[in-house]
Amino acid sequence: MVRSYRDLVVWQKSIQLSVTVYRLTKRFPKDETYGLASQMKRAAVSIPSNIAEGHGRLNTPEYRHFLGISRGSNFELQTQIEIARKLEIGESKLLNEAEGLSHEVGKMIFGILERIKK
């Protein structure tokens, strides 16, 4: 039984994703500190933050709204990961790890949205 947002596997995975993005961007060139690195970190942190906030709301429409924001942030992050890859910024292993976690989290968010739609 889910008693807290912390019990949600999607929240746990999105925390793992955020940590991976922080590790990835830590190794970006210094001139990206306020550019792509900053955007990626903001998008990554937004994912579990909105899952948690939505879970704390008192009704399903608000929960759906915050899951939608989380989903959008995840798509934003996927785009930024692809840009970093094309620019050859960041360690390949961490880019792959972040991308994989992002896709996994995206599927989970979609699954929750489908379940609560009914």
C-alpha atoms as a PDB file:
ATOM      1  CA  MET A   1       0.000   0.000   0.000  1.00  0.00           C
ATOM      2  CA  VAL A   2       1.253   3.477  -0.905  1.00  0.00           C
ATOM      3  CA  ARG A   3       1.210   5.720   2.136  1.00  0.00           C
ATOM      4  CA  SER A   4       3.698   8.307   0.993  1.00  0.00           C
ATOM      5  CA  TYR A   5       5.107   9.555  -2.272  1.00  0.00           C
ATOM      6  CA  ARG A   6       8.383   8.017  -1.047  1.00  0.00           C
ATOM      7  CA  ASP A   7       6.790   4.577  -1.489  1.00  0.00           C
ATOM      8  CA  LEU A   8       6.246   5.219  -5.204  1.00  0.00           C
ATOM      9  CA  VAL A   9       8.822   3.421  -7.356  1.00  0.00           C
ATOM     10  CA  VAL A  10       8.485   6.186  -9.960  1.00  0.00           C
ATOM     11  CA  TRP A  11       9.514   8.767  -7.359  1.00  0.00           C
ATOM     12  CA  GLN A  12      12.468   6.605  -6.253  1.00  0.00           C
ATOM     13  CA  LYS A  13      13.605   6.119  -9.870  1.00  0.00           C
ATOM     14  CA  SER A  14      13.250   9.820 -10.611  1.00  0.00           C
ATOM     15  CA  ILE A  15      15.425  10.633  -7.582  1.00  0.00           C
ATOM     16  CA  GLN A  16      18.016   8.233  -9.009  1.00  0.00           C
ATOM     17  CA  LEU A  17      17.663  10.030 -12.360  1.00  0.00           C
ATOM     18  CA  SER A  18      18.252  13.422 -10.720  1.00  0.00           C
ATOM     19  CA  VAL A  19      21.390  12.174  -8.978  1.00  0.00           C
ATOM     20  CA  THR A  20      22.677  10.742 -12.262  1.00  0.00           C
ATOM     21  CA  VAL A  21      22.055  14.060 -14.041  1.00  0.00           C
ATOM     22  CA  TYR A  22      23.954  15.915 -11.311  1.00  0.00           C
ATOM     23  CA  ARG A  23      26.889  13.513 -11.690  1.00  0.00           C
ATOM     24  CA  LEU A  24      26.741  13.876 -15.466  1.00  0.00           C
ATOM     25  CA  THR A  25      26.626  17.671 -15.522  1.00  0.00           C
ATOM     26  CA  LYS A  26      29.351  17.981 -12.891  1.00  0.00           C
ATOM     27  CA  ARG A  27      31.789  16.969 -15.629  1.00  0.00           C
ATOM     28  CA  PHE A  28      30.441  19.393 -18.240  1.00  0.00           C
ATOM     29  CA  PRO A  29      32.728  22.213 -19.406  1.00  0.00           C
ATOM     30  CA  LYS A  30      32.654  25.275 -17.133  1.00  0.00           C
ATOM     31  CA  ASP A  31      31.098  27.402 -19.894  1.00  0.00           C
ATOM     32  CA  GLU A  32      27.997  25.156 -19.658  1.00  0.00           C
ATOM     33  CA  THR A  33      27.468  25.793 -15.934  1.00  0.00           C
ATOM     34  CA  TYR A  34      24.675  28.290 -16.569  1.00  0.00           C
ATOM     35  CA  GLY A  35      23.581  26.797 -19.881  1.00  0.00           C
ATOM     36  CA  LEU A  36      22.742  23.211 -20.659  1.00  0.00           C
ATOM     37  CA  ALA A  37      23.933  21.872 -17.284  1.00  0.00           C
ATOM     38  CA  SER A  38      21.641  24.209 -15.378  1.00  0.00           C
ATOM     39  CA  GLN A  39      18.659  23.392 -17.614  1.00  0.00           C
ATOM     40  CA  MET A  40      19.227  19.651 -17.228  1.00  0.00           C
ATOM     41  CA  LYS A  41      19.451  19.835 -13.456  1.00  0.00           C
ATOM     42  CA  ARG A  42      16.289  21.934 -13.202  1.00  0.00           C
ATOM     43  CA  ALA A  43      14.338  19.548 -15.451  1.00  0.00           C
ATOM     44  CA  ALA A  44      15.624  16.482 -13.575  1.00  0.00           C
ATOM     45  CA  VAL A  45      14.747  17.879 -10.127  1.00  0.00           C
ATOM     46  CA  SER A  46      11.312  18.921 -11.382  1.00  0.00           C
ATOM     47  CA  ILE A  47      10.353  15.308 -12.108  1.00  0.00           C
ATOM     48  CA  PRO A  48      10.351  13.864  -8.552  1.00  0.00           C
ATOM     49  CA  SER A  49       9.331  17.220  -7.074  1.00  0.00           C
ATOM     50  CA  ASN A  50       6.106  17.320  -9.080  1.00  0.00           C
ATOM     51  CA  ILE A  51       5.389  13.644  -8.431  1.00  0.00           C
ATOM     52  CA  ALA A  52       5.666  14.348  -4.699  1.00  0.00           C
ATOM     53  CA  GLU A  53       3.616  17.551  -4.843  1.00  0.00           C
ATOM     54  CA  GLY A  54       0.891  15.930  -6.911  1.00  0.00           C
ATOM     55  CA  HIS A  55       0.719  12.945  -4.580  1.00  0.00           C
ATOM     56  CA  GLY A  56       0.214  15.343  -1.676  1.00  0.00           C
ATOM     57  CA  ARG A  57      -2.779  16.997  -3.313  1.00  0.00           C
ATOM     58  CA  LEU A  58      -6.225  16.070  -2.141  1.00  0.00           C
ATOM     59  CA  ASN A  59      -7.828  15.188  -5.426  1.00  0.00           C
ATOM     60  CA  THR A  60      -7.173  13.236  -8.598  1.00  0.00           C
ATOM     61  CA  PRO A  61      -7.377  16.150 -11.072  1.00  0.00           C
ATOM     62  CA  GLU A  62      -4.595  17.986  -9.241  1.00  0.00           C
ATOM     63  CA  TYR A  63      -2.515  14.794  -9.061  1.00  0.00           C
ATOM     64  CA  ARG A  64      -2.953  14.345 -12.828  1.00  0.00           C
ATOM     65  CA  HIS A  65      -1.919  17.976 -13.363  1.00  0.00           C
ATOM     66  CA  PHE A  66       1.342  17.571 -11.451  1.00  0.00           C
ATOM     67  CA  LEU A  67       2.072  14.232 -13.109  1.00  0.00           C
ATOM     68  CA  GLY A  68       1.613  16.043 -16.425  1.00  0.00           C
ATOM     69  CA  ILE A  69       4.172  18.654 -15.392  1.00  0.00           C
ATOM     70  CA  SER A  70       6.533  15.873 -14.324  1.00  0.00           C
ATOM     71  CA  ARG A  71       6.044  14.147 -17.665  1.00  0.00           C
ATOM     72  CA  GLY A  72       6.778  17.385 -19.518  1.00  0.00           C
ATOM     73  CA  SER A  73       9.961  17.919 -17.507  1.00  0.00           C
ATOM     74  CA  ASN A  74      11.015  14.381 -18.359  1.00  0.00           C
ATOM     75  CA  PHE A  75      10.546  15.053 -22.092  1.00  0.00           C
ATOM     76  CA  GLU A  76      12.510  18.279 -21.667  1.00  0.00           C
ATOM     77  CA  LEU A  77      15.333  16.340 -20.010  1.00  0.00           C
ATOM     78  CA  GLN A  78      15.343  13.702 -22.771  1.00  0.00           C
ATOM     79  CA  THR A  79      15.760  16.497 -25.312  1.00  0.00           C
ATOM     80  CA  GLN A  80      18.620  18.027 -23.333  1.00  0.00           C
ATOM     81  CA  ILE A  81      20.356  14.652 -23.016  1.00  0.00           C
ATOM     82  CA  GLU A  82      20.171  14.305 -26.794  1.00  0.00           C
ATOM     83  CA  ILE A  83      21.627  17.798 -27.265  1.00  0.00           C
ATOM     84  CA  ALA A  84      24.494  16.971 -24.897  1.00  0.00           C
ATOM     85  CA  ARG A  85      25.112  13.749 -26.822  1.00  0.00           C
ATOM     86  CA  LYS A  86      25.173  15.593 -30.180  1.00  0.00           C
ATOM     87  CA  LEU A  87      27.564  18.197 -28.753  1.00  0.00           C
ATOM     88  CA  GLU A  88      29.706  15.375 -27.321  1.00  0.00           C
ATOM     89  CA  ILE A  89      29.432  16.850 -23.831  1.00  0.00           C
ATOM     90  CA  GLY A  90      29.447  14.490 -20.883  1.00  0.00           C
ATOM     91  CA  GLU A  91      30.508  10.958 -20.186  1.00  0.00           C
ATOM     92  CA  SER A  92      28.844   8.450 -22.499  1.00  0.00           C
ATOM     93  CA  LYS A  93      28.118   5.980 -19.683  1.00  0.00           C
ATOM     94  CA  LEU A  94      26.276   8.612 -17.633  1.00  0.00           C
ATOM     95  CA  LEU A  95      24.404   9.915 -20.683  1.00  0.00           C
ATOM     96  CA  ASN A  96      23.196   6.371 -21.367  1.00  0.00           C
ATOM     97  CA  GLU A  97      22.266   5.815 -17.731  1.00  0.00           C
ATOM     98  CA  ALA A  98      20.316   9.075 -17.556  1.00  0.00           C
ATOM     99  CA  GLU A  99      18.565   8.329 -20.834  1.00  0.00           C
ATOM    100  CA  GLY A 100      17.582   4.833 -19.709  1.00  0.00           C
ATOM    101  CA  LEU A 101      16.251   6.044 -16.366  1.00  0.00           C
ATOM    102  CA  SER A 102      14.367   8.840 -18.080  1.00  0.00           C
ATOM    103  CA  HIS A 103      12.612   6.427 -20.419  1.00  0.00           C
ATOM    104  CA  GLU A 104      11.784   4.124 -17.508  1.00  0.00           C
ATOM    105  CA  VAL A 105      10.377   6.992 -15.450  1.00  0.00           C
ATOM    106  CA  GLY A 106       8.384   8.194 -18.452  1.00  0.00           C
ATOM    107  CA  LYS A 107       6.706   4.815 -18.856  1.00  0.00           C
ATOM    108  CA  MET A 108       5.868   4.739 -15.155  1.00  0.00           C
ATOM    109  CA  ILE A 109       4.347   8.224 -15.190  1.00  0.00           C
ATOM    110  CA  PHE A 110       2.276   7.311 -18.235  1.00  0.00           C
ATOM    111  CA  GLY A 111       1.112   4.132 -16.475  1.00  0.00           C
ATOM    112  CA  ILE A 112      -0.039   6.073 -13.424  1.00  0.00           C
ATOM    113  CA  LEU A 113      -1.840   8.592 -15.613  1.00  0.00           C
ATOM    114  CA  GLU A 114      -3.631   5.777 -17.423  1.00  0.00           C
ATOM    115  CA  ARG A 115      -4.647   4.082 -14.146  1.00  0.00           C
ATOM    116  CA  ILE A 116      -6.054   7.185 -12.523  1.00  0.00           C
ATOM    117  CA  LYS A 117      -7.857   8.245 -15.704  1.00  0.00           C
ATOM    118  CA  LYS A 118     -10.340   5.389 -15.220  1.00  0.00           C
END
